Amino acid sequence: ISYNFWAKRNNSWFPNGLFLNRFKHFALPD
């Protein structure tokens, strides 16, 4: 039971970005 700031899909972190959303290292935890 937890939720993320960004959607649970590939490359969803830093949406509409040009660089950071290409690397899973920058994905936020819930």
PDB file of all heavy atoms in Angstrom:
ATOM      1  N   ILE A   1       0.853  -1.182   0.000  1.00  0.00           N
ATOM      2  CA  ILE A   1       0.000   0.000   0.000  1.00  0.00           C
ATOM      3  C   ILE A   1       0.891   1.235   0.000  1.00  0.00           C
ATOM      4  O   ILE A   1       1.325   1.738   1.050  1.00  0.00           O
ATOM      5  CB  ILE A   1      -0.938   0.003   1.215  1.00  0.00           C
ATOM      6  CG1 ILE A   1      -1.865  -1.207   1.162  1.00  0.00           C
ATOM      7  CG2 ILE A   1      -1.776   1.287   1.252  1.00  0.00           C
ATOM      8  CD1 ILE A   1      -2.774  -1.341   2.363  1.00  0.00           C
ATOM      9  N   SER A   2       1.236   1.696  -1.183  1.00  0.00           N
ATOM     10  CA  SER A   2       1.990   2.938  -1.335  1.00  0.00           C
ATOM     11  C   SER A   2       1.819   3.437  -2.760  1.00  0.00           C
ATOM     12  O   SER A   2       1.495   2.671  -3.671  1.00  0.00           O
ATOM     13  CB  SER A   2       3.477   2.730  -1.009  1.00  0.00           C
ATOM     14  OG  SER A   2       4.094   1.888  -1.948  1.00  0.00           O
ATOM     15  N   TYR A   3       2.048   4.716  -2.934  1.00  0.00           N
ATOM     16  CA  TYR A   3       1.863   5.360  -4.239  1.00  0.00           C
ATOM     17  C   TYR A   3       3.079   6.221  -4.559  1.00  0.00           C
ATOM     18  O   TYR A   3       3.793   6.690  -3.670  1.00  0.00           O
ATOM     19  CB  TYR A   3       0.606   6.223  -4.234  1.00  0.00           C
ATOM     20  CG  TYR A   3      -0.672   5.421  -4.138  1.00  0.00           C
ATOM     21  CD1 TYR A   3      -1.124   4.943  -2.915  1.00  0.00           C
ATOM     22  CD2 TYR A   3      -1.429   5.132  -5.272  1.00  0.00           C
ATOM     23  CE1 TYR A   3      -2.288   4.197  -2.816  1.00  0.00           C
ATOM     24  CE2 TYR A   3      -2.599   4.392  -5.189  1.00  0.00           C
ATOM     25  CZ  TYR A   3      -3.022   3.918  -3.955  1.00  0.00           C
ATOM     26  OH  TYR A   3      -4.172   3.171  -3.864  1.00  0.00           O
ATOM     27  N   ASN A   4       3.264   6.454  -5.858  1.00  0.00           N
ATOM     28  CA  ASN A   4       4.397   7.236  -6.323  1.00  0.00           C
ATOM     29  C   ASN A   4       3.948   8.599  -6.821  1.00  0.00           C
ATOM     30  O   ASN A   4       2.821   8.759  -7.294  1.00  0.00           O
ATOM     31  CB  ASN A   4       5.130   6.488  -7.452  1.00  0.00           C
ATOM     32  CG  ASN A   4       6.558   6.948  -7.619  1.00  0.00           C
ATOM     33  OD1 ASN A   4       6.830   7.978  -8.218  1.00  0.00           O
ATOM     34  ND2 ASN A   4       7.484   6.167  -7.074  1.00  0.00           N
ATOM     35  N   PHE A   5       4.834   9.542  -6.720  1.00  0.00           N
ATOM     36  CA  PHE A   5       4.597  10.892  -7.235  1.00  0.00           C
ATOM     37  C   PHE A   5       4.312  10.848  -8.733  1.00  0.00           C
ATOM     38  O   PHE A   5       3.451  11.567  -9.233  1.00  0.00           O
ATOM     39  CB  PHE A   5       5.847  11.722  -6.945  1.00  0.00           C
ATOM     40  CG  PHE A   5       5.729  13.186  -7.238  1.00  0.00           C
ATOM     41  CD1 PHE A   5       5.023  14.032  -6.395  1.00  0.00           C
ATOM     42  CD2 PHE A   5       6.371  13.739  -8.334  1.00  0.00           C
ATOM     43  CE1 PHE A   5       4.938  15.398  -6.650  1.00  0.00           C
ATOM     44  CE2 PHE A   5       6.294  15.105  -8.596  1.00  0.00           C
ATOM     45  CZ  PHE A   5       5.581  15.928  -7.754  1.00  0.00           C
ATOM     46  N   TRP A   6       5.029   9.978  -9.442  1.00  0.00           N
ATOM     47  CA  TRP A   6       4.852   9.804 -10.883  1.00  0.00           C
ATOM     48  C   TRP A   6       4.288   8.430 -11.201  1.00  0.00           C
ATOM     49  O   TRP A   6       4.402   7.492 -10.402  1.00  0.00           O
ATOM     50  CB  TRP A   6       6.192  10.007 -11.605  1.00  0.00           C
ATOM     51  CG  TRP A   6       6.641  11.442 -11.606  1.00  0.00           C
ATOM     52  CD1 TRP A   6       5.876  12.535 -11.861  1.00  0.00           C
ATOM     53  CD2 TRP A   6       7.958  11.929 -11.329  1.00  0.00           C
ATOM     54  NE1 TRP A   6       6.633  13.680 -11.771  1.00  0.00           N
ATOM     55  CE2 TRP A   6       7.910  13.344 -11.456  1.00  0.00           C
ATOM     56  CE3 TRP A   6       9.169  11.317 -11.006  1.00  0.00           C
ATOM     57  CZ2 TRP A   6       9.036  14.152 -11.247  1.00  0.00           C
ATOM     58  CZ3 TRP A   6      10.289  12.121 -10.807  1.00  0.00           C
ATOM     59  CH2 TRP A   6      10.215  13.517 -10.927  1.00  0.00           C
ATOM     60  N   ALA A   7       3.707   8.289 -12.363  1.00  0.00           N
ATOM     61  CA  ALA A   7       3.015   7.055 -12.747  1.00  0.00           C
ATOM     62  C   ALA A   7       3.964   5.861 -12.785  1.00  0.00           C
ATOM     63  O   ALA A   7       5.167   5.996 -13.034  1.00  0.00           O
ATOM     64  CB  ALA A   7       2.348   7.229 -14.113  1.00  0.00           C
ATOM     65  N   LYS A   8       3.391   4.670 -12.546  1.00  0.00           N
ATOM     66  CA  LYS A   8       4.160   3.426 -12.539  1.00  0.00           C
ATOM     67  C   LYS A   8       4.237   2.871 -13.956  1.00  0.00           C
ATOM     68  O   LYS A   8       3.533   1.932 -14.329  1.00  0.00           O
ATOM     69  CB  LYS A   8       3.502   2.414 -11.601  1.00  0.00           C
ATOM     70  CG  LYS A   8       3.587   2.774 -10.130  1.00  0.00           C
ATOM     71  CD  LYS A   8       4.998   2.581  -9.610  1.00  0.00           C
ATOM     72  CE  LYS A   8       5.041   2.665  -8.090  1.00  0.00           C
ATOM     73  NZ  LYS A   8       6.391   2.427  -7.574  1.00  0.00           N
ATOM     74  N   ARG A   9       5.108   3.468 -14.752  1.00  0.00           N
ATOM     75  CA  ARG A   9       5.345   2.976 -16.102  1.00  0.00           C
ATOM     76  C   ARG A   9       6.789   3.298 -16.475  1.00  0.00           C
ATOM     77  O   ARG A   9       7.451   4.088 -15.797  1.00  0.00           O
ATOM     78  CB  ARG A   9       4.387   3.622 -17.117  1.00  0.00           C
ATOM     79  CG  ARG A   9       4.529   5.116 -17.267  1.00  0.00           C
ATOM     80  CD  ARG A   9       3.629   5.682 -18.359  1.00  0.00           C
ATOM     81  NE  ARG A   9       3.939   7.071 -18.631  1.00  0.00           N
ATOM     82  CZ  ARG A   9       3.379   8.107 -18.004  1.00  0.00           C
ATOM     83  NH1 ARG A   9       2.463   7.878 -17.081  1.00  0.00           N
ATOM     84  NH2 ARG A   9       3.731   9.337 -18.304  1.00  0.00           N
ATOM     85  N   ASN A  10       7.284   2.704 -17.528  1.00  0.00           N
ATOM     86  CA  ASN A  10       8.661   2.943 -17.927  1.00  0.00           C
ATOM     87  C   ASN A  10       8.885   4.413 -18.282  1.00  0.00           C
ATOM     88  O   ASN A  10       8.055   5.036 -18.952  1.00  0.00           O
ATOM     89  CB  ASN A  10       9.024   2.069 -19.128  1.00  0.00           C
ATOM     90  CG  ASN A  10       9.113   0.605 -18.754  1.00  0.00           C
ATOM     91  OD1 ASN A  10       9.371   0.267 -17.592  1.00  0.00           O
ATOM     92  ND2 ASN A  10       8.890  -0.271 -19.709  1.00  0.00           N
ATOM     93  N   ASN A  11       9.986   4.949 -17.811  1.00  0.00           N
ATOM     94  CA  ASN A  11      10.379   6.334 -18.108  1.00  0.00           C
ATOM     95  C   ASN A  11       9.333   7.361 -17.669  1.00  0.00           C
ATOM     96  O   ASN A  11       9.195   8.409 -18.297  1.00  0.00           O
ATOM     97  CB  ASN A  11      10.675   6.517 -19.601  1.00  0.00           C
ATOM     98  CG  ASN A  11      11.717   5.535 -20.123  1.00  0.00           C
ATOM     99  OD1 ASN A  11      11.360   4.566 -20.773  1.00  0.00           O
ATOM    100  ND2 ASN A  11      12.975   5.770 -19.823  1.00  0.00           N
ATOM    101  N   SER A  12       8.612   7.055 -16.592  1.00  0.00           N
ATOM    102  CA  SER A  12       7.585   7.986 -16.116  1.00  0.00           C
ATOM    103  C   SER A  12       8.185   9.071 -15.231  1.00  0.00           C
ATOM    104  O   SER A  12       7.550  10.100 -15.007  1.00  0.00           O
ATOM    105  CB  SER A  12       6.509   7.228 -15.340  1.00  0.00           C
ATOM    106  OG  SER A  12       7.063   6.631 -14.180  1.00  0.00           O
ATOM    107  N   TRP A  13       9.370   8.851 -14.699  1.00  0.00           N
ATOM    108  CA  TRP A  13       9.998   9.844 -13.835  1.00  0.00           C
ATOM    109  C   TRP A  13      10.509  11.012 -14.689  1.00  0.00           C
ATOM    110  O   TRP A  13      10.897  10.855 -15.831  1.00  0.00           O
ATOM    111  CB  TRP A  13      11.130   9.217 -13.025  1.00  0.00           C
ATOM    112  CG  TRP A  13      12.146   8.450 -13.843  1.00  0.00           C
ATOM    113  CD1 TRP A  13      13.306   8.932 -14.378  1.00  0.00           C
ATOM    114  CD2 TRP A  13      12.068   7.074 -14.231  1.00  0.00           C
ATOM    115  NE1 TRP A  13      13.967   7.957 -15.067  1.00  0.00           N
ATOM    116  CE2 TRP A  13      13.232   6.797 -14.998  1.00  0.00           C
ATOM    117  CE3 TRP A  13      11.147   6.044 -14.018  1.00  0.00           C
ATOM    118  CZ2 TRP A  13      13.490   5.540 -15.546  1.00  0.00           C
ATOM    119  CZ3 TRP A  13      11.408   4.794 -14.564  1.00  0.00           C
ATOM    120  CH2 TRP A  13      12.560   4.539 -15.316  1.00  0.00           C
ATOM    121  N   PHE A  14      10.482  12.189 -14.109  1.00  0.00           N
ATOM    122  CA  PHE A  14      10.824  13.419 -14.821  1.00  0.00           C
ATOM    123  C   PHE A  14      10.134  13.461 -16.190  1.00  0.00           C
ATOM    124  O   PHE A  14      10.787  13.544 -17.230  1.00  0.00           O
ATOM    125  CB  PHE A  14      12.347  13.563 -14.977  1.00  0.00           C
ATOM    126  CG  PHE A  14      13.059  13.757 -13.672  1.00  0.00           C
ATOM    127  CD1 PHE A  14      13.639  12.684 -13.010  1.00  0.00           C
ATOM    128  CD2 PHE A  14      13.116  15.015 -13.096  1.00  0.00           C
ATOM    129  CE1 PHE A  14      14.268  12.862 -11.789  1.00  0.00           C
ATOM    130  CE2 PHE A  14      13.756  15.200 -11.872  1.00  0.00           C
ATOM    131  CZ  PHE A  14      14.328  14.118 -11.214  1.00  0.00           C
ATOM    132  N   PRO A  15       8.794  13.383 -16.193  1.00  0.00           N
ATOM    133  CA  PRO A  15       8.052  13.334 -17.460  1.00  0.00           C
ATOM    134  C   PRO A  15       8.300  14.563 -18.327  1.00  0.00           C
ATOM    135  O   PRO A  15       8.508  15.673 -17.819  1.00  0.00           O
ATOM    136  CB  PRO A  15       6.585  13.260 -17.008  1.00  0.00           C
ATOM    137  CG  PRO A  15       6.585  13.795 -15.617  1.00  0.00           C
ATOM    138  CD  PRO A  15       7.892  13.401 -15.026  1.00  0.00           C
ATOM    139  N   ASN A  16       8.288  14.324 -19.625  1.00  0.00           N
ATOM    140  CA  ASN A  16       8.525  15.375 -20.624  1.00  0.00           C
ATOM    141  C   ASN A  16       9.932  15.964 -20.538  1.00  0.00           C
ATOM    142  O   ASN A  16      10.195  17.043 -21.069  1.00  0.00           O
ATOM    143  CB  ASN A  16       7.483  16.509 -20.498  1.00  0.00           C
ATOM    144  CG  ASN A  16       6.065  16.002 -20.646  1.00  0.00           C
ATOM    145  OD1 ASN A  16       5.741  15.331 -21.613  1.00  0.00           O
ATOM    146  ND2 ASN A  16       5.227  16.305 -19.668  1.00  0.00           N
ATOM    147  N   GLY A  17      10.824  15.224 -19.871  1.00  0.00           N
ATOM    148  CA  GLY A  17      12.210  15.664 -19.782  1.00  0.00           C
ATOM    149  C   GLY A  17      13.012  15.199 -20.987  1.00  0.00           C
ATOM    150  O   GLY A  17      12.528  14.445 -21.840  1.00  0.00           O
ATOM    151  N   LEU A  18      14.252  15.639 -21.033  1.00  0.00           N
ATOM    152  CA  LEU A  18      15.114  15.306 -22.170  1.00  0.00           C
ATOM    153  C   LEU A  18      16.253  14.358 -21.792  1.00  0.00           C
ATOM    154  O   LEU A  18      16.836  13.723 -22.664  1.00  0.00           O
ATOM    155  CB  LEU A  18      15.711  16.595 -22.770  1.00  0.00           C
ATOM    156  CG  LEU A  18      14.711  17.630 -23.291  1.00  0.00           C
ATOM    157  CD1 LEU A  18      15.449  18.880 -23.758  1.00  0.00           C
ATOM    158  CD2 LEU A  18      13.859  17.052 -24.408  1.00  0.00           C
ATOM    159  N   PHE A  19      16.533  14.232 -20.493  1.00  0.00           N
ATOM    160  CA  PHE A  19      17.711  13.463 -20.096  1.00  0.00           C
ATOM    161  C   PHE A  19      17.467  12.511 -18.918  1.00  0.00           C
ATOM    162  O   PHE A  19      17.672  11.305 -19.031  1.00  0.00           O
ATOM    163  CB  PHE A  19      18.851  14.440 -19.763  1.00  0.00           C
ATOM    164  CG  PHE A  19      20.108  13.759 -19.300  1.00  0.00           C
ATOM    165  CD1 PHE A  19      20.930  13.089 -20.201  1.00  0.00           C
ATOM    166  CD2 PHE A  19      20.468  13.792 -17.958  1.00  0.00           C
ATOM    167  CE1 PHE A  19      22.090  12.452 -19.761  1.00  0.00           C
ATOM    168  CE2 PHE A  19      21.623  13.162 -17.516  1.00  0.00           C
ATOM    169  CZ  PHE A  19      22.438  12.490 -18.428  1.00  0.00           C
ATOM    170  N   LEU A  20      16.998  13.057 -17.788  1.00  0.00           N
ATOM    171  CA  LEU A  20      16.920  12.273 -16.560  1.00  0.00           C
ATOM    172  C   LEU A  20      15.950  11.101 -16.648  1.00  0.00           C
ATOM    173  O   LEU A  20      16.144  10.080 -15.993  1.00  0.00           O
ATOM    174  CB  LEU A  20      16.528  13.181 -15.381  1.00  0.00           C
ATOM    175  CG  LEU A  20      17.536  14.277 -15.032  1.00  0.00           C
ATOM    176  CD1 LEU A  20      17.029  15.117 -13.876  1.00  0.00           C
ATOM    177  CD2 LEU A  20      18.896  13.686 -14.693  1.00  0.00           C
ATOM    178  N   ASN A  21      14.890  11.230 -17.466  1.00  0.00           N
ATOM    179  CA  ASN A  21      13.914  10.142 -17.558  1.00  0.00           C
ATOM    180  C   ASN A  21      14.424   8.965 -18.384  1.00  0.00           C
ATOM    181  O   ASN A  21      13.727   7.965 -18.540  1.00  0.00           O
ATOM    182  CB  ASN A  21      12.586  10.654 -18.118  1.00  0.00           C
ATOM    183  CG  ASN A  21      12.724  11.221 -19.521  1.00  0.00           C
ATOM    184  OD1 ASN A  21      13.829  11.419 -20.009  1.00  0.00           O
ATOM    185  ND2 ASN A  21      11.594  11.481 -20.163  1.00  0.00           N
ATOM    186  N   ARG A  22      15.632   9.064 -18.908  1.00  0.00           N
ATOM    187  CA  ARG A  22      16.214   7.945 -19.662  1.00  0.00           C
ATOM    188  C   ARG A  22      16.954   6.960 -18.759  1.00  0.00           C
ATOM    189  O   ARG A  22      17.318   5.860 -19.195  1.00  0.00           O
ATOM    190  CB  ARG A  22      17.196   8.478 -20.707  1.00  0.00           C
ATOM    191  CG  ARG A  22      16.558   9.408 -21.733  1.00  0.00           C
ATOM    192  CD  ARG A  22      17.569   9.853 -22.763  1.00  0.00           C
ATOM    193  NE  ARG A  22      16.980  10.786 -23.721  1.00  0.00           N
ATOM    194  CZ  ARG A  22      17.617  11.256 -24.783  1.00  0.00           C
ATOM    195  NH1 ARG A  22      18.869  10.873 -25.016  1.00  0.00           N
ATOM    196  NH2 ARG A  22      17.014  12.103 -25.595  1.00  0.00           N
ATOM    197  N   PHE A  23      17.174   7.335 -17.485  1.00  0.00           N
ATOM    198  CA  PHE A  23      17.973   6.512 -16.590  1.00  0.00           C
ATOM    199  C   PHE A  23      17.170   6.153 -15.344  1.00  0.00           C
ATOM    200  O   PHE A  23      16.705   7.035 -14.621  1.00  0.00           O
ATOM    201  CB  PHE A  23      19.246   7.252 -16.185  1.00  0.00           C
ATOM    202  CG  PHE A  23      20.100   7.650 -17.360  1.00  0.00           C
ATOM    203  CD1 PHE A  23      19.982   8.921 -17.913  1.00  0.00           C
ATOM    204  CD2 PHE A  23      20.982   6.746 -17.917  1.00  0.00           C
ATOM    205  CE1 PHE A  23      20.755   9.298 -18.998  1.00  0.00           C
ATOM    206  CE2 PHE A  23      21.761   7.113 -19.013  1.00  0.00           C
ATOM    207  CZ  PHE A  23      21.649   8.384 -19.554  1.00  0.00           C
ATOM    208  N   LYS A  24      17.022   4.862 -15.107  1.00  0.00           N
ATOM    209  CA  LYS A  24      16.222   4.388 -13.971  1.00  0.00           C
ATOM    210  C   LYS A  24      16.809   4.838 -12.632  1.00  0.00           C
ATOM    211  O   LYS A  24      16.120   4.889 -11.626  1.00  0.00           O
ATOM    212  CB  LYS A  24      16.108   2.866 -14.011  1.00  0.00           C
ATOM    213  CG  LYS A  24      15.007   2.333 -13.112  1.00  0.00           C
ATOM    214  CD  LYS A  24      14.728   0.869 -13.362  1.00  0.00           C
ATOM    215  CE  LYS A  24      13.540   0.402 -12.517  1.00  0.00           C
ATOM    216  NZ  LYS A  24      13.234  -1.026 -12.765  1.00  0.00           N
ATOM    217  N   HIS A  25      18.084   5.142 -12.621  1.00  0.00           N
ATOM    218  CA  HIS A  25      18.742   5.618 -11.402  1.00  0.00           C
ATOM    219  C   HIS A  25      18.017   6.833 -10.818  1.00  0.00           C
ATOM    220  O   HIS A  25      18.020   7.046  -9.607  1.00  0.00           O
ATOM    221  CB  HIS A  25      20.202   5.979 -11.710  1.00  0.00           C
ATOM    222  CG  HIS A  25      20.927   6.599 -10.566  1.00  0.00           C
ATOM    223  ND1 HIS A  25      21.412   5.868  -9.498  1.00  0.00           N
ATOM    224  CD2 HIS A  25      21.225   7.910 -10.283  1.00  0.00           C
ATOM    225  CE1 HIS A  25      21.989   6.682  -8.632  1.00  0.00           C
ATOM    226  NE2 HIS A  25      21.886   7.927  -9.085  1.00  0.00           N
ATOM    227  N   PHE A  26      17.380   7.629 -11.678  1.00  0.00           N
ATOM    228  CA  PHE A  26      16.735   8.863 -11.230  1.00  0.00           C
ATOM    229  C   PHE A  26      15.252   8.679 -10.905  1.00  0.00           C
ATOM    230  O   PHE A  26      14.578   9.651 -10.575  1.00  0.00           O
ATOM    231  CB  PHE A  26      16.901   9.944 -12.297  1.00  0.00           C
ATOM    232  CG  PHE A  26      18.321  10.357 -12.507  1.00  0.00           C
ATOM    233  CD1 PHE A  26      18.993  10.015 -13.677  1.00  0.00           C
ATOM    234  CD2 PHE A  26      19.005  11.067 -11.542  1.00  0.00           C
ATOM    235  CE1 PHE A  26      20.306  10.387 -13.877  1.00  0.00           C
ATOM    236  CE2 PHE A  26      20.327  11.448 -11.728  1.00  0.00           C
ATOM    237  CZ  PHE A  26      20.987  11.098 -12.897  1.00  0.00           C
ATOM    238  N   ALA A  27      14.752   7.457 -11.004  1.00  0.00           N
ATOM    239  CA  ALA A  27      13.343   7.209 -10.661  1.00  0.00           C
ATOM    240  C   ALA A  27      13.137   7.376  -9.156  1.00  0.00           C
ATOM    241  O   ALA A  27      13.938   6.902  -8.347  1.00  0.00           O
ATOM    242  CB  ALA A  27      12.947   5.805 -11.088  1.00  0.00           C
ATOM    243  N   LEU A  28      12.076   8.056  -8.775  1.00  0.00           N
ATOM    244  CA  LEU A  28      11.788   8.258  -7.356  1.00  0.00           C
ATOM    245  C   LEU A  28      11.123   7.028  -6.743  1.00  0.00           C
ATOM    246  O   LEU A  28      10.279   6.399  -7.386  1.00  0.00           O
ATOM    247  CB  LEU A  28      10.855   9.446  -7.170  1.00  0.00           C
ATOM    248  CG  LEU A  28      11.405  10.848  -7.379  1.00  0.00           C
ATOM    249  CD1 LEU A  28      10.298  11.863  -7.123  1.00  0.00           C
ATOM    250  CD2 LEU A  28      12.581  11.117  -6.469  1.00  0.00           C
ATOM    251  N   PRO A  29      11.455   6.703  -5.487  1.00  0.00           N
ATOM    252  CA  PRO A  29      10.681   5.678  -4.785  1.00  0.00           C
ATOM    253  C   PRO A  29       9.318   6.247  -4.390  1.00  0.00           C
ATOM    254  O   PRO A  29       9.087   7.465  -4.500  1.00  0.00           O
ATOM    255  CB  PRO A  29      11.534   5.380  -3.550  1.00  0.00           C
ATOM    256  CG  PRO A  29      12.280   6.643  -3.303  1.00  0.00           C
ATOM    257  CD  PRO A  29      12.543   7.253  -4.655  1.00  0.00           C
ATOM    258  N   ASP A  30       8.416   5.405  -3.928  1.00  0.00           N
ATOM    259  CA  ASP A  30       7.132   5.881  -3.424  1.00  0.00           C
ATOM    260  C   ASP A  30       7.375   6.772  -2.203  1.00  0.00           C
ATOM    261  O   ASP A  30       8.427   6.691  -1.555  1.00  0.00           O
ATOM    262  CB  ASP A  30       6.237   4.706  -3.044  1.00  0.00           C
ATOM    263  CG  ASP A  30       5.939   3.795  -4.234  1.00  0.00           C
ATOM    264  OD1 ASP A  30       6.220   4.192  -5.377  1.00  0.00           O
ATOM    265  OD2 ASP A  30       5.446   2.675  -3.997  1.00  0.00           O
TER     266      ASP A  30
END
